Amino acid sequence: MRSFKGPDGTEWRVDVKSPGSSNAMVVFRHPDARTSGRDRYAWYISHGADAHDVTSRLKPKSVLDSLADADFARLFRRSMPITTVRRAPDRAPG
């Protein structure tokens, strides 16, 4: 696990999950562990030689080690919330 300082100064913990042969999920975990609703994710796409071998798997530690701060910043800008809070639908009038 590594850390990344977001644009607002928040210190995110970064982890890699669900590695495939050519992609992996990069998870940005909010520092307040009580609220996982602020966690975010983005997909890392590998263009290495192993990306064409469907039997291979990326190693999470290798993915983390290969990413620089600029890569984390790019992935964070493209990241999406892991969960969303859906509000109840409005009742029909009358």
N, C-alpha and C. Protein backbone atom coordinates (compact mmCIF):
# COMPACT_ATOMS: atom_id res chain seq x y z
N MET A 1 0.85 -1.17 0.00
CA MET A 1 0.00 0.00 0.00
C MET A 1 0.90 1.24 0.00
N ARG A 2 0.51 2.22 -0.81
CA ARG A 2 1.25 3.49 -0.87
C ARG A 2 0.31 4.62 -0.53
N SER A 3 0.86 5.81 -0.46
CA SER A 3 0.01 6.97 -0.18
C SER A 3 0.12 7.97 -1.32
N PHE A 4 -0.93 8.79 -1.43
CA PHE A 4 -1.00 9.81 -2.47
C PHE A 4 -1.69 11.03 -1.88
N LYS A 5 -1.10 12.19 -2.10
CA LYS A 5 -1.71 13.44 -1.62
C LYS A 5 -2.58 14.01 -2.72
N GLY A 6 -3.89 14.09 -2.44
CA GLY A 6 -4.85 14.59 -3.40
C GLY A 6 -4.74 16.08 -3.61
N PRO A 7 -5.46 16.62 -4.58
CA PRO A 7 -5.40 18.05 -4.89
C PRO A 7 -5.83 18.94 -3.73
N ASP A 8 -6.69 18.42 -2.84
CA ASP A 8 -7.13 19.22 -1.69
C ASP A 8 -6.28 18.98 -0.45
N GLY A 9 -5.20 18.21 -0.59
CA GLY A 9 -4.29 17.95 0.52
C GLY A 9 -4.61 16.69 1.30
N THR A 10 -5.67 15.99 0.94
CA THR A 10 -6.03 14.75 1.62
C THR A 10 -5.00 13.68 1.30
N GLU A 11 -4.57 12.96 2.32
CA GLU A 11 -3.59 11.88 2.16
C GLU A 11 -4.33 10.56 1.98
N TRP A 12 -4.43 10.09 0.73
CA TRP A 12 -5.14 8.86 0.40
C TRP A 12 -4.19 7.68 0.49
N ARG A 13 -4.70 6.52 0.93
CA ARG A 13 -3.94 5.27 0.85
C ARG A 13 -4.32 4.63 -0.47
N VAL A 14 -3.34 4.09 -1.18
CA VAL A 14 -3.58 3.53 -2.51
C VAL A 14 -3.27 2.04 -2.48
N ASP A 15 -4.16 1.26 -3.04
CA ASP A 15 -4.02 -0.19 -3.08
C ASP A 15 -4.41 -0.67 -4.47
N VAL A 16 -3.98 -1.87 -4.85
CA VAL A 16 -4.33 -2.44 -6.14
C VAL A 16 -5.13 -3.72 -5.90
N LYS A 17 -6.28 -3.81 -6.56
CA LYS A 17 -7.18 -4.96 -6.42
C LYS A 17 -7.54 -5.50 -7.80
N SER A 18 -8.04 -6.72 -7.83
CA SER A 18 -8.57 -7.37 -9.04
C SER A 18 -7.62 -7.31 -10.23
N PRO A 19 -6.37 -7.76 -10.06
CA PRO A 19 -5.45 -7.72 -11.20
C PRO A 19 -5.86 -8.73 -12.27
N GLY A 20 -5.74 -8.30 -13.51
CA GLY A 20 -5.98 -9.17 -14.65
C GLY A 20 -4.69 -9.27 -15.45
N SER A 21 -4.79 -9.72 -16.68
CA SER A 21 -3.59 -9.83 -17.50
C SER A 21 -3.15 -8.47 -18.03
N SER A 22 -4.11 -7.54 -18.20
CA SER A 22 -3.74 -6.24 -18.76
C SER A 22 -4.29 -5.06 -17.97
N ASN A 23 -5.02 -5.31 -16.88
CA ASN A 23 -5.56 -4.19 -16.12
C ASN A 23 -5.66 -4.54 -14.63
N ALA A 24 -5.84 -3.53 -13.82
CA ALA A 24 -6.01 -3.71 -12.38
C ALA A 24 -6.76 -2.50 -11.84
N MET A 25 -7.50 -2.72 -10.77
CA MET A 25 -8.24 -1.65 -10.14
C MET A 25 -7.33 -0.96 -9.12
N VAL A 26 -7.15 0.35 -9.27
CA VAL A 26 -6.39 1.14 -8.31
C VAL A 26 -7.40 1.79 -7.39
N VAL A 27 -7.31 1.46 -6.09
CA VAL A 27 -8.29 1.93 -5.11
C VAL A 27 -7.66 3.02 -4.25
N PHE A 28 -8.33 4.16 -4.17
CA PHE A 28 -7.92 5.27 -3.33
C PHE A 28 -8.80 5.22 -2.08
N ARG A 29 -8.19 4.91 -0.93
CA ARG A 29 -8.94 4.78 0.32
C ARG A 29 -8.83 6.08 1.12
N HIS A 30 -9.97 6.61 1.50
CA HIS A 30 -10.02 7.86 2.27
C HIS A 30 -9.40 7.62 3.65
N PRO A 31 -8.68 8.60 4.21
CA PRO A 31 -8.01 8.40 5.49
C PRO A 31 -8.95 8.16 6.67
N ASP A 32 -10.19 8.62 6.57
CA ASP A 32 -11.16 8.38 7.64
C ASP A 32 -11.77 7.01 7.40
N ALA A 33 -11.26 6.00 8.07
CA ALA A 33 -11.67 4.62 7.84
C ALA A 33 -13.13 4.37 8.21
N ARG A 34 -13.75 5.26 8.98
CA ARG A 34 -15.15 5.08 9.37
C ARG A 34 -16.10 5.28 8.21
N THR A 35 -15.65 5.98 7.18
CA THR A 35 -16.53 6.23 6.04
C THR A 35 -15.89 5.73 4.75
N SER A 36 -16.22 4.50 4.40
CA SER A 36 -15.69 3.95 3.16
C SER A 36 -16.42 4.52 1.95
N GLY A 37 -17.47 5.29 2.19
CA GLY A 37 -18.22 5.90 1.10
C GLY A 37 -17.44 6.93 0.32
N ARG A 38 -16.32 7.36 0.84
CA ARG A 38 -15.48 8.34 0.13
C ARG A 38 -14.38 7.67 -0.68
N ASP A 39 -14.26 6.35 -0.58
CA ASP A 39 -13.24 5.64 -1.35
C ASP A 39 -13.53 5.78 -2.84
N ARG A 40 -12.47 5.75 -3.64
CA ARG A 40 -12.59 5.92 -5.09
C ARG A 40 -11.79 4.85 -5.79
N TYR A 41 -12.06 4.64 -7.08
CA TYR A 41 -11.27 3.68 -7.85
C TYR A 41 -11.10 4.16 -9.28
N ALA A 42 -10.05 3.65 -9.91
CA ALA A 42 -9.78 3.90 -11.33
C ALA A 42 -9.12 2.64 -11.89
N TRP A 43 -9.23 2.45 -13.18
CA TRP A 43 -8.62 1.29 -13.82
C TRP A 43 -7.25 1.65 -14.38
N TYR A 44 -6.27 0.83 -14.03
CA TYR A 44 -4.91 0.92 -14.59
C TYR A 44 -4.85 -0.05 -15.76
N ILE A 45 -4.40 0.41 -16.90
CA ILE A 45 -4.28 -0.42 -18.10
C ILE A 45 -2.79 -0.62 -18.41
N SER A 46 -2.38 -1.86 -18.48
CA SER A 46 -0.98 -2.20 -18.79
C SER A 46 -0.83 -2.42 -20.28
N HIS A 47 0.27 -1.96 -20.82
CA HIS A 47 0.56 -2.16 -22.24
C HIS A 47 1.82 -3.01 -22.41
N GLY A 48 2.19 -3.73 -21.34
CA GLY A 48 3.39 -4.56 -21.38
C GLY A 48 3.21 -5.81 -22.23
N ALA A 49 4.28 -6.58 -22.35
CA ALA A 49 4.26 -7.80 -23.18
C ALA A 49 3.28 -8.83 -22.64
N ASP A 50 3.13 -8.90 -21.31
CA ASP A 50 2.23 -9.88 -20.71
C ASP A 50 0.76 -9.53 -20.90
N ALA A 51 0.46 -8.34 -21.35
CA ALA A 51 -0.93 -7.91 -21.49
C ALA A 51 -1.68 -8.76 -22.52
N HIS A 52 -0.98 -9.41 -23.42
CA HIS A 52 -1.62 -10.22 -24.45
C HIS A 52 -1.76 -11.69 -24.03
N ASP A 53 -1.18 -12.04 -22.88
CA ASP A 53 -1.26 -13.41 -22.39
C ASP A 53 -2.40 -13.49 -21.37
N VAL A 54 -3.52 -14.08 -21.77
CA VAL A 54 -4.70 -14.10 -20.90
C VAL A 54 -4.52 -14.98 -19.67
N THR A 55 -3.47 -15.80 -19.64
CA THR A 55 -3.23 -16.66 -18.47
C THR A 55 -2.36 -15.97 -17.42
N SER A 56 -1.78 -14.84 -17.76
CA SER A 56 -0.92 -14.14 -16.79
C SER A 56 -1.75 -13.19 -15.93
N ARG A 57 -1.19 -12.77 -14.83
CA ARG A 57 -1.84 -11.81 -13.94
C ARG A 57 -0.80 -10.77 -13.51
N LEU A 58 -1.22 -9.51 -13.48
CA LEU A 58 -0.36 -8.45 -12.96
C LEU A 58 -0.19 -8.66 -11.46
N LYS A 59 0.96 -8.30 -10.95
CA LYS A 59 1.19 -8.39 -9.52
C LYS A 59 0.89 -7.03 -8.89
N PRO A 60 0.01 -6.97 -7.89
CA PRO A 60 -0.36 -5.69 -7.29
C PRO A 60 0.84 -4.85 -6.84
N LYS A 61 1.83 -5.49 -6.22
CA LYS A 61 3.01 -4.74 -5.76
C LYS A 61 3.78 -4.16 -6.95
N SER A 62 3.89 -4.91 -8.03
CA SER A 62 4.59 -4.41 -9.22
C SER A 62 3.86 -3.22 -9.83
N VAL A 63 2.53 -3.28 -9.83
CA VAL A 63 1.75 -2.15 -10.37
C VAL A 63 1.99 -0.91 -9.51
N LEU A 64 1.90 -1.07 -8.17
CA LEU A 64 2.14 0.07 -7.28
C LEU A 64 3.54 0.64 -7.44
N ASP A 65 4.54 -0.24 -7.56
CA ASP A 65 5.92 0.21 -7.70
C ASP A 65 6.18 0.91 -9.03
N SER A 66 5.41 0.55 -10.05
CA SER A 66 5.63 1.15 -11.37
C SER A 66 4.99 2.53 -11.52
N LEU A 67 4.07 2.88 -10.62
CA LEU A 67 3.35 4.15 -10.74
C LEU A 67 4.07 5.27 -10.00
N ALA A 68 4.24 6.38 -10.68
CA ALA A 68 4.83 7.59 -10.08
C ALA A 68 3.70 8.48 -9.57
N ASP A 69 4.05 9.53 -8.86
CA ASP A 69 3.06 10.47 -8.33
C ASP A 69 2.19 11.06 -9.45
N ALA A 70 2.80 11.35 -10.59
CA ALA A 70 2.04 11.90 -11.72
C ALA A 70 1.01 10.88 -12.22
N ASP A 71 1.35 9.60 -12.19
CA ASP A 71 0.40 8.56 -12.60
C ASP A 71 -0.76 8.48 -11.61
N PHE A 72 -0.45 8.57 -10.31
CA PHE A 72 -1.51 8.57 -9.30
C PHE A 72 -2.44 9.77 -9.50
N ALA A 73 -1.86 10.94 -9.79
CA ALA A 73 -2.66 12.15 -10.00
C ALA A 73 -3.59 11.97 -11.20
N ARG A 74 -3.09 11.39 -12.28
CA ARG A 74 -3.91 11.16 -13.48
C ARG A 74 -5.02 10.17 -13.17
N LEU A 75 -4.69 9.07 -12.48
CA LEU A 75 -5.70 8.08 -12.13
C LEU A 75 -6.74 8.67 -11.18
N PHE A 76 -6.29 9.50 -10.24
CA PHE A 76 -7.22 10.10 -9.28
C PHE A 76 -8.20 11.03 -9.98
N ARG A 77 -7.72 11.80 -10.95
CA ARG A 77 -8.61 12.69 -11.71
C ARG A 77 -9.68 11.92 -12.44
N ARG A 78 -9.36 10.71 -12.87
CA ARG A 78 -10.31 9.88 -13.62
C ARG A 78 -11.09 8.93 -12.72
N SER A 79 -10.84 8.97 -11.42
CA SER A 79 -11.45 8.00 -10.51
C SER A 79 -12.93 8.27 -10.28
N MET A 80 -13.61 7.24 -9.80
CA MET A 80 -15.04 7.30 -9.53
C MET A 80 -15.30 6.78 -8.12
N PRO A 81 -16.38 7.21 -7.50
CA PRO A 81 -16.71 6.68 -6.17
C PRO A 81 -16.99 5.18 -6.26
N ILE A 82 -16.56 4.45 -5.24
CA ILE A 82 -16.84 3.02 -5.20
C ILE A 82 -18.32 2.79 -4.90
N THR A 83 -18.86 3.57 -3.99
CA THR A 83 -20.28 3.46 -3.68
C THR A 83 -20.94 4.82 -3.85
N THR A 84 -22.21 4.79 -4.10
CA THR A 84 -22.96 6.04 -4.18
C THR A 84 -24.17 5.92 -3.26
N VAL A 85 -24.51 7.01 -2.65
CA VAL A 85 -25.70 7.04 -1.80
C VAL A 85 -26.85 7.49 -2.67
N ARG A 86 -27.86 6.66 -2.74
CA ARG A 86 -29.03 7.00 -3.55
C ARG A 86 -30.12 7.50 -2.63
N ARG A 87 -30.67 8.63 -2.96
CA ARG A 87 -31.75 9.16 -2.14
C ARG A 87 -33.06 8.51 -2.56
N ALA A 88 -34.01 8.52 -1.65
CA ALA A 88 -35.31 7.94 -1.93
C ALA A 88 -36.00 8.74 -3.02
N PRO A 89 -36.76 8.09 -3.89
CA PRO A 89 -37.47 8.83 -4.95
C PRO A 89 -38.54 9.73 -4.36
N ASP A 90 -38.79 10.83 -5.01
CA ASP A 90 -39.85 11.75 -4.56
C ASP A 90 -41.21 11.09 -4.76
N ARG A 91 -42.09 11.37 -3.83
CA ARG A 91 -43.45 10.85 -3.96
C ARG A 91 -44.20 11.63 -5.03
N ALA A 92 -45.12 10.94 -5.67
CA ALA A 92 -45.94 11.59 -6.68
C ALA A 92 -46.86 12.61 -6.01
N PRO A 93 -47.06 13.76 -6.63
CA PRO A 93 -47.95 14.76 -6.01
C PRO A 93 -49.38 14.23 -5.90
N GLY A 94 -50.03 14.61 -4.79
CA GLY A 94 -51.44 14.27 -4.60
C GLY A 94 -51.57 12.96 -4.02
